[in-house]
Structures are given as structure tokens and as C-alpha cells.
């Protein structure tokens, strides 16, 4: 059962230019459908098999997002199904997505995931790796780099979270100004989850990924 009150309050609080993506991984079909009936159209999964299973049981107008680490051998299972891949964290993964998209004859929308956290368990590109990839962007004909994604440290230290989101926002602005000037597609900054989305909004987030606030804690 979802928290209807939290979801409705969240929808009312969000600026019109910010997209709510409900993180539905490990959650039952009934809960997703309940959120859908309250107006949520974007849901995120982190396992290709689970995403495929849920797609087959839920309304066709849901926009599916892929979050979490994507293994190269699983790319082919999702690239025709997802609206946006949030978690491209290496040049090799980007190359494989581009190659697989070429085989399927599709254009894949994706975000480059940047390492902004103080936690070693988090994944993402370093600043130098990010700029190396962006310098090669013309080589990738079958993908659209739509922006950046980052995950802040899991901490009560709001100042640290602010620093991390501010850093990602500054990278986004620099890339937008110097590498994607004529590319309107580069417009998304995916940052902020249940515990820190309000701070993310203060630092320019255009997509928040919210799970526990809507669906409750994972069992």
C-alpha cells in the first residue's frame, strides 16, 4: 500500500518543470497501479527482467526509467523499452549502448552518471572521465545524451549534500554552455531522492527519483 498523502503532497509541491519518477523496484504491481491512478506516469526499475515483467502487466502509457548499474549483457533487454537510462557510468557502457541501439535501429535517451558522493559504494564518472566522454560525443550516433545524474551521500549532513548537488549543477551548467550550446536535448539534471529531494530542487534538479516516500521502506 502506498502513502497517498505523501504522494499527493509531493505532486503539489513540485515545480512544473520538475519530473517525479517513482522508484518502483521490488514493489508489487498493485502499488504501482495505485500510484499510476493518482497521476504518476514515470516509474523506475533497476533490473531488466523485473522491468519487462511489470511492463507486460501495467498500462502502456507508463514511461519506464532505468536506474542502477546496467550490465553490458543486459542492454539489449531494455533499450527499446525505456524512456531514459539514468546510470551510464563508463565509456565502455556508452559504447555498448550505442552499438546495441544501432543494431535495433533506435535512438536511446540517457544520462551520464557522475560520482559526487563521499561514499565508495556509489558509482559514477569522475570529472575527468565525464569530460573525456563529452569530447567524444559526436562518435555516438544512436544515443542522445540528455543530461547528468548523481547520488548524494546518505547522510544527515545537509551542508555536505548541498555541496555535492552544487558541484553536479555546476558541471551541468558548464557542459550546457560549452559543449551542448545548440543541443536542446541536454536539459535534464536527475538528482534528489526521498531524503534529499528538497535540497536537490534548490540546486536545479529537473528529475527527482522517489521511492520510500511513496511506497514505504523496502522490506
N, C-alpha and C. Protein backbone atom coordinates (compact mmCIF):
# COMPACT_ATOMS: atom_id res chain seq x y z
N UNK A 1 0.84 -1.20 0.00
CA UNK A 1 0.00 0.00 0.00
C UNK A 1 0.88 1.25 0.00
N UNK A 2 0.55 2.19 -0.87
CA UNK A 2 1.36 3.40 -0.96
C UNK A 2 0.86 4.45 0.05
N UNK A 3 1.69 5.47 0.26
CA UNK A 3 1.28 6.59 1.10
C UNK A 3 0.66 7.66 0.19
N UNK A 4 -0.66 7.63 0.09
CA UNK A 4 -1.35 8.57 -0.80
C UNK A 4 -1.10 10.02 -0.39
N UNK A 5 -1.12 10.25 0.93
CA UNK A 5 -0.93 11.61 1.41
C UNK A 5 0.44 12.16 1.00
N UNK A 6 1.47 11.34 1.16
CA UNK A 6 2.82 11.78 0.81
C UNK A 6 2.94 12.04 -0.69
N UNK A 7 2.35 11.16 -1.48
CA UNK A 7 2.41 11.32 -2.94
C UNK A 7 1.70 12.58 -3.39
N UNK A 8 0.50 12.80 -2.89
CA UNK A 8 -0.27 13.98 -3.29
C UNK A 8 0.44 15.26 -2.86
N UNK A 9 1.00 15.26 -1.66
CA UNK A 9 1.73 16.44 -1.18
C UNK A 9 2.97 16.70 -2.04
N UNK A 10 3.63 15.62 -2.42
CA UNK A 10 4.81 15.72 -3.28
C UNK A 10 4.45 16.30 -4.65
N UNK A 11 3.37 15.80 -5.22
CA UNK A 11 2.92 16.30 -6.52
C UNK A 11 2.55 17.78 -6.46
N UNK A 12 1.95 18.19 -5.36
CA UNK A 12 1.54 19.59 -5.20
C UNK A 12 2.75 20.51 -4.99
N UNK A 13 3.79 19.98 -4.34
CA UNK A 13 4.96 20.80 -4.00
C UNK A 13 5.92 20.97 -5.17
N UNK A 14 5.89 20.05 -6.13
CA UNK A 14 6.90 20.08 -7.20
C UNK A 14 6.66 21.23 -8.17
N UNK A 15 7.71 21.95 -8.54
CA UNK A 15 7.59 22.97 -9.60
C UNK A 15 7.17 22.29 -10.91
N UNK A 16 6.51 23.02 -11.80
CA UNK A 16 6.01 22.42 -13.04
C UNK A 16 7.10 21.89 -13.97
N UNK A 17 8.33 22.39 -13.82
CA UNK A 17 9.42 21.95 -14.70
C UNK A 17 10.17 20.75 -14.16
N UNK A 18 9.72 20.20 -13.03
CA UNK A 18 10.41 19.06 -12.42
C UNK A 18 9.56 17.80 -12.56
N UNK A 19 10.21 16.72 -13.01
CA UNK A 19 9.51 15.45 -13.21
C UNK A 19 9.71 14.54 -12.01
N UNK A 20 8.61 13.95 -11.57
CA UNK A 20 8.66 12.95 -10.49
C UNK A 20 8.77 11.56 -11.12
N UNK A 21 9.83 10.85 -10.77
CA UNK A 21 9.98 9.45 -11.17
C UNK A 21 9.83 8.60 -9.92
N UNK A 22 8.82 7.76 -9.90
CA UNK A 22 8.56 6.90 -8.74
C UNK A 22 9.43 5.64 -8.86
N UNK A 23 10.27 5.42 -7.87
CA UNK A 23 11.17 4.26 -7.89
C UNK A 23 10.39 3.04 -7.40
N UNK A 24 10.02 2.21 -8.36
CA UNK A 24 9.10 1.09 -8.07
C UNK A 24 9.81 -0.25 -7.97
N UNK A 25 11.14 -0.26 -7.93
CA UNK A 25 11.87 -1.53 -7.86
C UNK A 25 11.46 -2.30 -6.61
N UNK A 26 11.26 -3.59 -6.81
CA UNK A 26 10.87 -4.53 -5.76
C UNK A 26 9.44 -4.32 -5.24
N UNK A 27 8.70 -3.41 -5.85
CA UNK A 27 7.34 -3.14 -5.38
C UNK A 27 6.32 -3.89 -6.22
N UNK A 28 5.19 -4.31 -5.61
CA UNK A 28 4.19 -5.10 -6.34
C UNK A 28 3.41 -4.26 -7.35
N UNK A 29 2.85 -4.96 -8.32
CA UNK A 29 2.05 -4.34 -9.37
C UNK A 29 0.93 -3.48 -8.78
N UNK A 30 0.29 -3.98 -7.73
CA UNK A 30 -0.85 -3.26 -7.14
C UNK A 30 -0.45 -1.87 -6.65
N UNK A 31 0.73 -1.76 -6.04
CA UNK A 31 1.18 -0.47 -5.53
C UNK A 31 1.50 0.49 -6.68
N UNK A 32 2.13 -0.05 -7.72
CA UNK A 32 2.46 0.79 -8.88
C UNK A 32 1.18 1.31 -9.53
N UNK A 33 0.20 0.43 -9.66
CA UNK A 33 -1.08 0.82 -10.27
C UNK A 33 -1.79 1.89 -9.43
N UNK A 34 -1.65 1.78 -8.11
CA UNK A 34 -2.27 2.77 -7.22
C UNK A 34 -1.64 4.15 -7.44
N UNK A 35 -0.31 4.17 -7.56
CA UNK A 35 0.38 5.44 -7.82
C UNK A 35 0.03 5.97 -9.21
N UNK A 36 -0.06 5.07 -10.17
CA UNK A 36 -0.44 5.44 -11.54
C UNK A 36 -1.82 6.10 -11.55
N UNK A 37 -2.74 5.54 -10.82
CA UNK A 37 -4.11 6.08 -10.78
C UNK A 37 -4.19 7.43 -10.07
N UNK A 38 -3.12 7.78 -9.35
CA UNK A 38 -3.04 9.09 -8.72
C UNK A 38 -2.25 10.07 -9.59
N UNK A 39 -1.95 9.67 -10.81
CA UNK A 39 -1.35 10.60 -11.77
C UNK A 39 0.12 10.40 -12.08
N UNK A 40 0.78 9.43 -11.44
CA UNK A 40 2.20 9.20 -11.73
C UNK A 40 2.31 8.41 -13.04
N UNK A 41 3.15 8.89 -13.96
CA UNK A 41 3.31 8.22 -15.25
C UNK A 41 4.74 7.74 -15.48
N UNK A 42 5.67 8.15 -14.61
CA UNK A 42 7.08 7.77 -14.75
C UNK A 42 7.49 6.88 -13.58
N UNK A 43 8.02 5.68 -13.91
CA UNK A 43 8.45 4.73 -12.89
C UNK A 43 9.85 4.23 -13.23
N UNK A 44 10.61 3.89 -12.19
CA UNK A 44 12.00 3.46 -12.39
C UNK A 44 12.24 2.08 -11.82
N UNK A 45 12.98 1.29 -12.59
CA UNK A 45 13.38 -0.05 -12.17
C UNK A 45 14.89 -0.18 -12.33
N UNK A 46 15.48 -1.18 -11.67
CA UNK A 46 16.92 -1.39 -11.79
C UNK A 46 17.29 -2.80 -12.21
N UNK A 47 16.30 -3.60 -12.58
CA UNK A 47 16.57 -4.95 -13.08
C UNK A 47 15.80 -5.17 -14.38
N UNK A 48 16.51 -5.48 -15.47
CA UNK A 48 15.85 -5.64 -16.77
C UNK A 48 14.69 -6.64 -16.76
N UNK A 49 14.89 -7.78 -16.08
CA UNK A 49 13.84 -8.80 -16.07
C UNK A 49 12.58 -8.30 -15.36
N UNK A 50 12.78 -7.62 -14.25
CA UNK A 50 11.64 -7.11 -13.49
C UNK A 50 10.92 -6.03 -14.28
N UNK A 51 11.69 -5.19 -14.95
CA UNK A 51 11.10 -4.15 -15.77
C UNK A 51 10.22 -4.75 -16.87
N UNK A 52 10.74 -5.77 -17.54
CA UNK A 52 9.98 -6.42 -18.62
C UNK A 52 8.70 -7.05 -18.09
N UNK A 53 8.81 -7.70 -16.95
CA UNK A 53 7.63 -8.36 -16.36
C UNK A 53 6.55 -7.34 -16.02
N UNK A 54 6.95 -6.25 -15.40
CA UNK A 54 5.98 -5.24 -14.99
C UNK A 54 5.37 -4.53 -16.19
N UNK A 55 6.17 -4.29 -17.22
CA UNK A 55 5.66 -3.65 -18.43
C UNK A 55 4.49 -4.42 -19.01
N UNK A 56 4.60 -5.75 -18.96
CA UNK A 56 3.57 -6.61 -19.54
C UNK A 56 2.28 -6.62 -18.75
N UNK A 57 2.31 -6.10 -17.51
CA UNK A 57 1.13 -6.15 -16.65
C UNK A 57 0.54 -4.78 -16.33
N UNK A 58 1.18 -3.74 -16.85
CA UNK A 58 0.76 -2.38 -16.48
C UNK A 58 0.43 -1.56 -17.73
N UNK A 59 -0.26 -0.42 -17.57
CA UNK A 59 -0.70 0.37 -18.71
C UNK A 59 0.42 0.77 -19.67
N UNK A 60 0.09 0.83 -20.95
CA UNK A 60 1.08 1.10 -21.99
C UNK A 60 1.63 2.51 -21.97
N UNK A 61 0.93 3.45 -21.33
CA UNK A 61 1.40 4.83 -21.36
C UNK A 61 2.36 5.17 -20.22
N UNK A 62 2.75 4.17 -19.43
CA UNK A 62 3.76 4.40 -18.41
C UNK A 62 5.11 4.61 -19.10
N UNK A 63 5.86 5.61 -18.61
CA UNK A 63 7.22 5.87 -19.11
C UNK A 63 8.20 5.22 -18.12
N UNK A 64 8.95 4.23 -18.61
CA UNK A 64 9.86 3.48 -17.75
C UNK A 64 11.26 4.06 -17.80
N UNK A 65 11.87 4.17 -16.64
CA UNK A 65 13.24 4.67 -16.50
C UNK A 65 14.10 3.54 -15.94
N UNK A 66 15.36 3.50 -16.35
CA UNK A 66 16.27 2.51 -15.78
C UNK A 66 17.29 3.22 -14.90
N UNK A 67 17.37 2.78 -13.64
CA UNK A 67 18.34 3.33 -12.70
C UNK A 67 19.20 2.17 -12.19
N UNK A 68 20.25 2.47 -11.51
CA UNK A 68 21.10 1.40 -11.01
C UNK A 68 22.10 0.95 -12.06
N UNK A 69 23.03 0.11 -11.65
CA UNK A 69 24.12 -0.32 -12.54
C UNK A 69 23.57 -1.20 -13.67
N UNK A 70 23.94 -0.86 -14.90
CA UNK A 70 23.50 -1.63 -16.06
C UNK A 70 24.66 -2.46 -16.59
N UNK A 71 24.48 -3.78 -16.60
CA UNK A 71 25.49 -4.67 -17.16
C UNK A 71 25.38 -4.67 -18.68
N UNK A 72 26.52 -4.72 -19.36
CA UNK A 72 26.50 -4.62 -20.82
C UNK A 72 25.71 -5.75 -21.47
N UNK A 73 25.71 -6.93 -20.85
CA UNK A 73 24.99 -8.06 -21.46
C UNK A 73 23.48 -7.97 -21.27
N UNK A 74 23.02 -6.94 -20.52
CA UNK A 74 21.57 -6.76 -20.30
C UNK A 74 21.00 -5.59 -21.12
N UNK A 75 21.87 -4.88 -21.81
CA UNK A 75 21.43 -3.69 -22.56
C UNK A 75 20.32 -4.02 -23.54
N UNK A 76 20.50 -5.12 -24.26
CA UNK A 76 19.56 -5.47 -25.33
C UNK A 76 18.15 -5.71 -24.81
N UNK A 77 18.01 -6.00 -23.53
CA UNK A 77 16.69 -6.28 -22.97
C UNK A 77 15.89 -5.02 -22.62
N UNK A 78 16.56 -3.88 -22.57
CA UNK A 78 15.83 -2.69 -22.12
C UNK A 78 15.80 -1.53 -23.11
N UNK A 79 16.72 -1.47 -24.07
CA UNK A 79 16.86 -0.22 -24.82
C UNK A 79 15.65 0.14 -25.67
N UNK A 80 14.84 -0.83 -26.02
CA UNK A 80 13.62 -0.50 -26.76
C UNK A 80 12.44 -0.24 -25.84
N UNK A 81 12.66 -0.37 -24.54
CA UNK A 81 11.56 -0.30 -23.59
C UNK A 81 11.59 0.93 -22.70
N UNK A 82 12.76 1.52 -22.51
CA UNK A 82 12.85 2.60 -21.52
C UNK A 82 12.84 3.98 -22.16
N UNK A 83 12.27 4.91 -21.43
CA UNK A 83 12.25 6.32 -21.82
C UNK A 83 13.62 6.95 -21.61
N UNK A 84 14.29 6.55 -20.52
CA UNK A 84 15.55 7.18 -20.17
C UNK A 84 16.39 6.23 -19.30
N UNK A 85 17.66 6.08 -19.67
CA UNK A 85 18.62 5.36 -18.83
C UNK A 85 19.38 6.40 -18.02
N UNK A 86 19.29 6.32 -16.69
CA UNK A 86 19.89 7.35 -15.83
C UNK A 86 21.34 7.07 -15.47
N UNK A 87 21.82 5.85 -15.69
CA UNK A 87 23.02 5.40 -14.98
C UNK A 87 24.17 4.97 -15.88
N UNK A 88 24.49 5.77 -16.90
CA UNK A 88 25.63 5.45 -17.76
C UNK A 88 26.89 5.94 -17.06
N UNK A 89 27.68 5.00 -16.54
CA UNK A 89 28.78 5.36 -15.65
C UNK A 89 30.16 4.97 -16.19
N UNK A 90 30.25 4.67 -17.50
CA UNK A 90 31.56 4.39 -18.08
C UNK A 90 31.50 4.58 -19.59
N UNK A 91 32.65 4.85 -20.17
CA UNK A 91 32.74 4.99 -21.63
C UNK A 91 32.39 3.67 -22.31
N UNK A 92 32.84 2.56 -21.72
CA UNK A 92 32.55 1.26 -22.31
C UNK A 92 31.05 0.99 -22.37
N UNK A 93 30.33 1.33 -21.30
CA UNK A 93 28.88 1.12 -21.29
C UNK A 93 28.22 1.99 -22.35
N UNK A 94 28.66 3.22 -22.49
CA UNK A 94 28.10 4.11 -23.51
C UNK A 94 28.33 3.54 -24.91
N UNK A 95 29.53 3.01 -25.16
CA UNK A 95 29.83 2.42 -26.46
C UNK A 95 28.92 1.23 -26.75
N UNK A 96 28.71 0.40 -25.74
CA UNK A 96 27.87 -0.80 -25.92
C UNK A 96 26.40 -0.42 -26.14
N UNK A 97 25.92 0.59 -25.45
CA UNK A 97 24.55 1.05 -25.66
C UNK A 97 24.39 1.58 -27.08
N UNK A 98 25.37 2.36 -27.52
CA UNK A 98 25.34 2.91 -28.88
C UNK A 98 25.34 1.79 -29.92
N UNK A 99 26.17 0.79 -29.70
CA UNK A 99 26.27 -0.33 -30.63
C UNK A 99 24.95 -1.12 -30.69
N UNK A 100 24.40 -1.41 -29.52
CA UNK A 100 23.16 -2.19 -29.46
C UNK A 100 21.99 -1.40 -30.05
N UNK A 101 21.96 -0.10 -29.79
CA UNK A 101 20.91 0.75 -30.35
C UNK A 101 20.99 0.78 -31.87
N UNK A 102 22.21 0.77 -32.40
CA UNK A 102 22.40 0.73 -33.85
C UNK A 102 21.84 -0.54 -34.45
N UNK A 103 22.05 -1.65 -33.78
CA UNK A 103 21.50 -2.93 -34.25
C UNK A 103 19.98 -2.92 -34.28
N UNK A 104 19.39 -2.29 -33.26
CA UNK A 104 17.93 -2.27 -33.13
C UNK A 104 17.29 -1.15 -33.94
N UNK A 105 18.11 -0.21 -34.42
CA UNK A 105 17.56 0.91 -35.17
C UNK A 105 16.79 1.90 -34.32
N UNK A 106 17.27 2.11 -33.08
CA UNK A 106 16.59 3.05 -32.17
C UNK A 106 17.57 4.10 -31.68
N UNK A 107 17.03 5.19 -31.18
CA UNK A 107 17.82 6.23 -30.50
C UNK A 107 17.53 6.10 -29.01
N UNK A 108 18.56 6.03 -28.21
CA UNK A 108 18.40 5.83 -26.78
C UNK A 108 18.70 7.12 -26.02
N UNK A 109 17.76 7.53 -25.18
CA UNK A 109 17.96 8.69 -24.32
C UNK A 109 18.66 8.26 -23.04
N UNK A 110 19.71 8.97 -22.65
CA UNK A 110 20.45 8.56 -21.46
C UNK A 110 21.03 9.76 -20.73
N UNK A 111 21.40 9.51 -19.48
CA UNK A 111 22.09 10.48 -18.64
C UNK A 111 23.45 9.90 -18.26
N UNK A 112 24.44 10.76 -18.14
CA UNK A 112 25.75 10.34 -17.66
C UNK A 112 25.77 10.47 -16.14
N UNK A 113 26.08 9.37 -15.47
CA UNK A 113 26.08 9.37 -14.00
C UNK A 113 27.45 9.82 -13.48
N UNK A 114 27.43 10.85 -12.65
CA UNK A 114 28.66 11.43 -12.12
C UNK A 114 28.81 11.04 -10.65
N UNK A 115 30.03 10.72 -10.27
CA UNK A 115 30.32 10.38 -8.87
C UNK A 115 30.47 11.67 -8.08
N UNK A 116 29.51 11.96 -7.23
CA UNK A 116 29.56 13.19 -6.44
C UNK A 116 29.60 12.92 -4.94
N UNK A 117 29.46 11.67 -4.55
CA UNK A 117 29.31 11.30 -3.14
C UNK A 117 30.65 11.11 -2.45
N UNK A 118 30.60 11.10 -1.12
CA UNK A 118 31.79 10.77 -0.33
C UNK A 118 31.85 9.27 -0.03
N UNK A 119 30.89 8.50 -0.55
CA UNK A 119 30.80 7.07 -0.26
C UNK A 119 31.41 6.24 -1.38
N UNK A 120 32.28 5.32 -1.01
CA UNK A 120 32.97 4.49 -2.00
C UNK A 120 32.01 3.51 -2.68
N UNK A 121 30.88 3.23 -2.05
CA UNK A 121 29.94 2.26 -2.62
C UNK A 121 29.16 2.84 -3.81
N UNK A 122 29.12 4.17 -3.92
CA UNK A 122 28.40 4.79 -5.03
C UNK A 122 29.24 4.70 -6.31
N UNK A 123 28.55 4.73 -7.45
CA UNK A 123 29.23 4.62 -8.74
C UNK A 123 29.07 5.91 -9.52
N UNK A 124 29.86 6.03 -10.58
CA UNK A 124 29.73 7.20 -11.44
C UNK A 124 31.06 7.62 -12.03
N UNK A 125 30.97 8.54 -12.98
CA UNK A 125 32.15 9.06 -13.66
C UNK A 125 32.84 10.13 -12.81
N UNK A 126 34.15 10.16 -12.87
CA UNK A 126 34.87 11.28 -12.29
C UNK A 126 34.71 12.49 -13.21
N UNK A 127 35.12 13.65 -12.75
CA UNK A 127 35.02 14.85 -13.58
C UNK A 127 35.80 14.68 -14.87
N UNK A 128 37.00 14.15 -14.79
CA UNK A 128 37.84 13.99 -15.99
C UNK A 128 37.24 12.96 -16.94
N UNK A 129 36.70 11.87 -16.40
CA UNK A 129 36.06 10.86 -17.25
C UNK A 129 34.84 11.44 -17.96
N UNK A 130 34.09 12.27 -17.24
CA UNK A 130 32.92 12.90 -17.83
C UNK A 130 33.31 13.75 -19.03
N UNK A 131 34.32 14.58 -18.87
CA UNK A 131 34.74 15.47 -19.96
C UNK A 131 35.37 14.69 -21.11
N UNK A 132 36.04 13.59 -20.81
CA UNK A 132 36.59 12.73 -21.87
C UNK A 132 35.46 12.18 -22.75
N UNK A 133 34.38 11.75 -22.10
CA UNK A 133 33.24 11.21 -22.85
C UNK A 133 32.57 12.30 -23.68
N UNK A 134 32.36 13.45 -23.08
CA UNK A 134 31.69 14.54 -23.78
C UNK A 134 32.49 14.98 -25.01
N UNK A 135 33.81 14.92 -24.91
CA UNK A 135 34.66 15.28 -26.05
C UNK A 135 34.47 14.32 -27.23
N UNK A 136 34.00 13.12 -26.93
CA UNK A 136 33.80 12.09 -27.97
C UNK A 136 32.35 11.97 -28.41
N UNK A 137 31.48 12.85 -27.94
CA UNK A 137 30.04 12.65 -28.10
C UNK A 137 29.59 12.51 -29.55
N UNK A 138 30.29 13.13 -30.49
CA UNK A 138 29.87 13.05 -31.89
C UNK A 138 30.03 11.64 -32.46
N UNK A 139 30.81 10.80 -31.79
CA UNK A 139 31.03 9.43 -32.27
C UNK A 139 29.80 8.54 -32.05
N UNK A 140 28.93 8.96 -31.14
CA UNK A 140 27.81 8.10 -30.76
C UNK A 140 26.55 8.55 -31.48
N UNK A 141 26.22 7.84 -32.55
CA UNK A 141 25.13 8.27 -33.43
C UNK A 141 23.76 7.77 -32.98
N UNK A 142 23.75 6.80 -32.07
CA UNK A 142 22.47 6.14 -31.73
C UNK A 142 22.00 6.45 -30.31
N UNK A 143 22.65 7.42 -29.68
CA UNK A 143 22.23 7.82 -28.34
C UNK A 143 22.04 9.33 -28.29
N UNK A 144 21.23 9.76 -27.34
CA UNK A 144 21.07 11.18 -27.05
C UNK A 144 21.47 11.41 -25.59
N UNK A 145 22.53 12.17 -25.39
CA UNK A 145 22.95 12.50 -24.03
C UNK A 145 22.06 13.64 -23.55
N UNK A 146 21.16 13.33 -22.63
CA UNK A 146 20.12 14.28 -22.22
C UNK A 146 20.47 15.06 -20.97
N UNK A 147 21.59 14.72 -20.31
CA UNK A 147 21.94 15.43 -19.09
C UNK A 147 22.77 14.57 -18.17
N UNK A 148 22.72 14.91 -16.87
CA UNK A 148 23.54 14.25 -15.87
C UNK A 148 22.68 13.69 -14.74
N UNK A 149 23.24 12.68 -14.06
CA UNK A 149 22.60 12.13 -12.87
C UNK A 149 23.64 11.99 -11.79
N UNK A 150 23.23 12.18 -10.54
CA UNK A 150 24.14 11.98 -9.42
C UNK A 150 23.39 11.60 -8.16
N UNK A 151 24.10 10.88 -7.29
CA UNK A 151 23.53 10.47 -6.00
C UNK A 151 24.39 11.04 -4.88
N UNK A 152 23.77 11.83 -4.03
CA UNK A 152 24.49 12.43 -2.92
C UNK A 152 24.77 11.40 -1.83
N UNK A 153 25.64 11.76 -0.91
CA UNK A 153 25.95 10.89 0.23
C UNK A 153 24.69 10.65 1.06
N UNK A 154 24.59 9.46 1.63
CA UNK A 154 23.47 9.14 2.51
C UNK A 154 23.86 9.60 3.91
N UNK A 155 23.45 10.81 4.25
CA UNK A 155 23.91 11.42 5.49
C UNK A 155 22.89 12.44 5.98
N UNK A 156 22.98 12.78 7.26
CA UNK A 156 22.15 13.85 7.82
C UNK A 156 22.81 15.21 7.66
N UNK A 157 24.02 15.23 7.13
CA UNK A 157 24.77 16.48 6.96
C UNK A 157 24.26 17.21 5.72
N UNK A 158 23.33 18.12 5.91
CA UNK A 158 22.72 18.80 4.77
C UNK A 158 23.72 19.68 4.02
N UNK A 159 24.72 20.19 4.73
CA UNK A 159 25.73 21.02 4.07
C UNK A 159 26.55 20.21 3.07
N UNK A 160 26.86 18.97 3.44
CA UNK A 160 27.60 18.09 2.53
C UNK A 160 26.75 17.78 1.29
N UNK A 161 25.48 17.48 1.51
CA UNK A 161 24.58 17.20 0.39
C UNK A 161 24.48 18.42 -0.54
N UNK A 162 24.38 19.60 0.06
CA UNK A 162 24.32 20.83 -0.74
C UNK A 162 25.57 20.99 -1.59
N UNK A 163 26.74 20.70 -1.02
CA UNK A 163 28.00 20.81 -1.76
C UNK A 163 28.02 19.85 -2.94
N UNK A 164 27.54 18.63 -2.70
CA UNK A 164 27.57 17.62 -3.76
C UNK A 164 26.61 17.96 -4.90
N UNK A 165 25.40 18.40 -4.55
CA UNK A 165 24.44 18.79 -5.59
C UNK A 165 24.91 20.06 -6.32
N UNK A 166 25.51 20.97 -5.58
CA UNK A 166 26.02 22.21 -6.19
C UNK A 166 27.12 21.89 -7.20
N UNK A 167 27.98 20.95 -6.85
CA UNK A 167 29.06 20.52 -7.75
C UNK A 167 28.48 19.95 -9.04
N UNK A 168 27.46 19.09 -8.92
CA UNK A 168 26.86 18.48 -10.10
C UNK A 168 26.17 19.54 -10.96
N UNK A 169 25.50 20.47 -10.31
CA UNK A 169 24.82 21.54 -11.03
C UNK A 169 25.83 22.40 -11.81
N UNK A 170 26.97 22.65 -11.21
CA UNK A 170 27.99 23.46 -11.89
C UNK A 170 28.55 22.72 -13.09
N UNK A 171 28.73 21.41 -12.97
CA UNK A 171 29.18 20.61 -14.12
C UNK A 171 28.15 20.66 -15.24
N UNK A 172 26.89 20.51 -14.88
CA UNK A 172 25.81 20.56 -15.86
C UNK A 172 25.82 21.90 -16.61
N UNK A 173 25.92 22.99 -15.86
CA UNK A 173 25.91 24.32 -16.48
C UNK A 173 27.11 24.52 -17.40
N UNK A 174 28.27 24.02 -16.98
CA UNK A 174 29.47 24.17 -17.80
C UNK A 174 29.34 23.39 -19.11
N UNK A 175 28.84 22.16 -19.02
CA UNK A 175 28.66 21.35 -20.23
C UNK A 175 27.62 21.98 -21.14
N UNK A 176 26.54 22.47 -20.55
CA UNK A 176 25.47 23.10 -21.33
C UNK A 176 26.01 24.33 -22.08
N UNK A 177 26.85 25.10 -21.43
CA UNK A 177 27.35 26.34 -22.02
C UNK A 177 28.46 26.12 -23.04
N UNK A 178 29.24 25.05 -22.85
CA UNK A 178 30.44 24.89 -23.67
C UNK A 178 30.43 23.70 -24.63
N UNK A 179 29.56 22.71 -24.38
CA UNK A 179 29.58 21.51 -25.21
C UNK A 179 28.22 21.20 -25.86
N UNK A 180 27.15 21.72 -25.27
CA UNK A 180 25.81 21.40 -25.78
C UNK A 180 25.01 22.68 -26.06
N UNK A 181 25.70 23.71 -26.51
CA UNK A 181 25.06 25.02 -26.67
C UNK A 181 23.85 24.95 -27.60
N UNK A 182 23.99 24.21 -28.69
CA UNK A 182 22.93 24.14 -29.69
C UNK A 182 22.12 22.86 -29.57
N UNK A 183 22.24 22.19 -28.45
CA UNK A 183 21.56 20.90 -28.25
C UNK A 183 20.52 21.05 -27.14
N UNK A 184 19.28 21.25 -27.53
CA UNK A 184 18.20 21.42 -26.54
C UNK A 184 17.92 20.13 -25.78
N UNK A 185 18.38 19.00 -26.34
CA UNK A 185 18.16 17.71 -25.69
C UNK A 185 18.88 17.62 -24.35
N UNK A 186 20.03 18.31 -24.23
CA UNK A 186 20.80 18.28 -22.99
C UNK A 186 20.15 19.23 -21.99
N UNK A 187 19.20 18.71 -21.22
CA UNK A 187 18.37 19.58 -20.39
C UNK A 187 18.00 18.99 -19.04
N UNK A 188 18.43 17.76 -18.76
CA UNK A 188 17.97 17.08 -17.55
C UNK A 188 19.07 16.94 -16.51
N UNK A 189 18.70 17.20 -15.28
CA UNK A 189 19.60 17.00 -14.14
C UNK A 189 18.84 16.14 -13.13
N UNK A 190 19.18 14.87 -13.11
CA UNK A 190 18.48 13.90 -12.27
C UNK A 190 19.20 13.76 -10.93
N UNK A 191 18.66 14.41 -9.92
CA UNK A 191 19.25 14.30 -8.58
C UNK A 191 18.18 14.59 -7.53
N UNK A 192 18.29 13.87 -6.44
CA UNK A 192 17.32 14.02 -5.36
C UNK A 192 16.46 12.78 -5.21
N UNK A 193 16.42 12.26 -3.97
CA UNK A 193 15.60 11.10 -3.65
C UNK A 193 14.72 11.45 -2.45
N UNK A 194 14.11 10.45 -1.85
CA UNK A 194 13.13 10.72 -0.78
C UNK A 194 13.70 11.60 0.33
N UNK A 195 14.95 11.37 0.72
CA UNK A 195 15.52 12.05 1.87
C UNK A 195 16.12 13.41 1.55
N UNK A 196 16.43 13.67 0.26
CA UNK A 196 17.16 14.90 -0.05
C UNK A 196 16.63 15.65 -1.26
N UNK A 197 15.43 15.32 -1.72
CA UNK A 197 14.94 15.94 -2.95
C UNK A 197 14.72 17.44 -2.80
N UNK A 198 14.39 17.89 -1.59
CA UNK A 198 14.17 19.34 -1.40
C UNK A 198 15.46 20.12 -1.61
N UNK A 199 16.57 19.56 -1.14
CA UNK A 199 17.87 20.20 -1.37
C UNK A 199 18.20 20.15 -2.86
N UNK A 200 17.90 19.03 -3.50
CA UNK A 200 18.17 18.89 -4.95
C UNK A 200 17.41 19.94 -5.76
N UNK A 201 16.18 20.20 -5.37
CA UNK A 201 15.38 21.20 -6.09
C UNK A 201 16.00 22.59 -5.97
N UNK A 202 16.60 22.86 -4.82
CA UNK A 202 17.26 24.16 -4.63
C UNK A 202 18.49 24.31 -5.52
N UNK A 203 18.99 23.18 -6.02
CA UNK A 203 20.21 23.21 -6.83
C UNK A 203 19.96 22.78 -8.28
N UNK A 204 18.74 23.01 -8.74
CA UNK A 204 18.48 22.89 -10.18
C UNK A 204 18.04 21.54 -10.70
N UNK A 205 17.66 20.63 -9.83
CA UNK A 205 17.21 19.31 -10.30
C UNK A 205 15.98 19.45 -11.19
N UNK A 206 15.94 18.66 -12.26
CA UNK A 206 14.76 18.61 -13.13
C UNK A 206 14.04 17.27 -13.03
N UNK A 207 14.69 16.29 -12.40
CA UNK A 207 14.08 14.97 -12.19
C UNK A 207 14.43 14.52 -10.77
N UNK A 208 13.41 14.15 -9.99
CA UNK A 208 13.69 13.54 -8.69
C UNK A 208 13.22 12.09 -8.73
N UNK A 209 13.99 11.22 -8.07
CA UNK A 209 13.72 9.78 -8.06
C UNK A 209 13.29 9.38 -6.65
N UNK A 210 12.00 9.18 -6.46
CA UNK A 210 11.46 9.00 -5.10
C UNK A 210 10.85 7.60 -4.95
N UNK A 211 11.32 6.88 -3.94
CA UNK A 211 10.80 5.54 -3.68
C UNK A 211 10.09 5.42 -2.35
N UNK A 212 10.86 5.44 -1.25
CA UNK A 212 10.29 5.12 0.07
C UNK A 212 9.22 6.12 0.51
N UNK A 213 9.33 7.36 0.10
CA UNK A 213 8.32 8.35 0.48
C UNK A 213 6.94 8.00 -0.10
N UNK A 214 6.95 7.33 -1.25
CA UNK A 214 5.70 6.92 -1.89
C UNK A 214 5.29 5.50 -1.50
N UNK A 215 6.26 4.58 -1.61
CA UNK A 215 5.95 3.16 -1.44
C UNK A 215 6.27 2.60 -0.07
N UNK A 216 6.90 3.40 0.81
CA UNK A 216 7.34 2.87 2.09
C UNK A 216 8.71 2.24 1.96
N UNK A 217 9.31 1.94 3.11
CA UNK A 217 10.65 1.35 3.10
C UNK A 217 10.61 -0.05 2.51
N UNK A 218 11.76 -0.46 1.91
CA UNK A 218 11.87 -1.80 1.38
C UNK A 218 11.85 -2.82 2.50
N UNK A 219 11.17 -3.93 2.25
CA UNK A 219 11.12 -4.98 3.27
C UNK A 219 12.36 -5.86 3.17
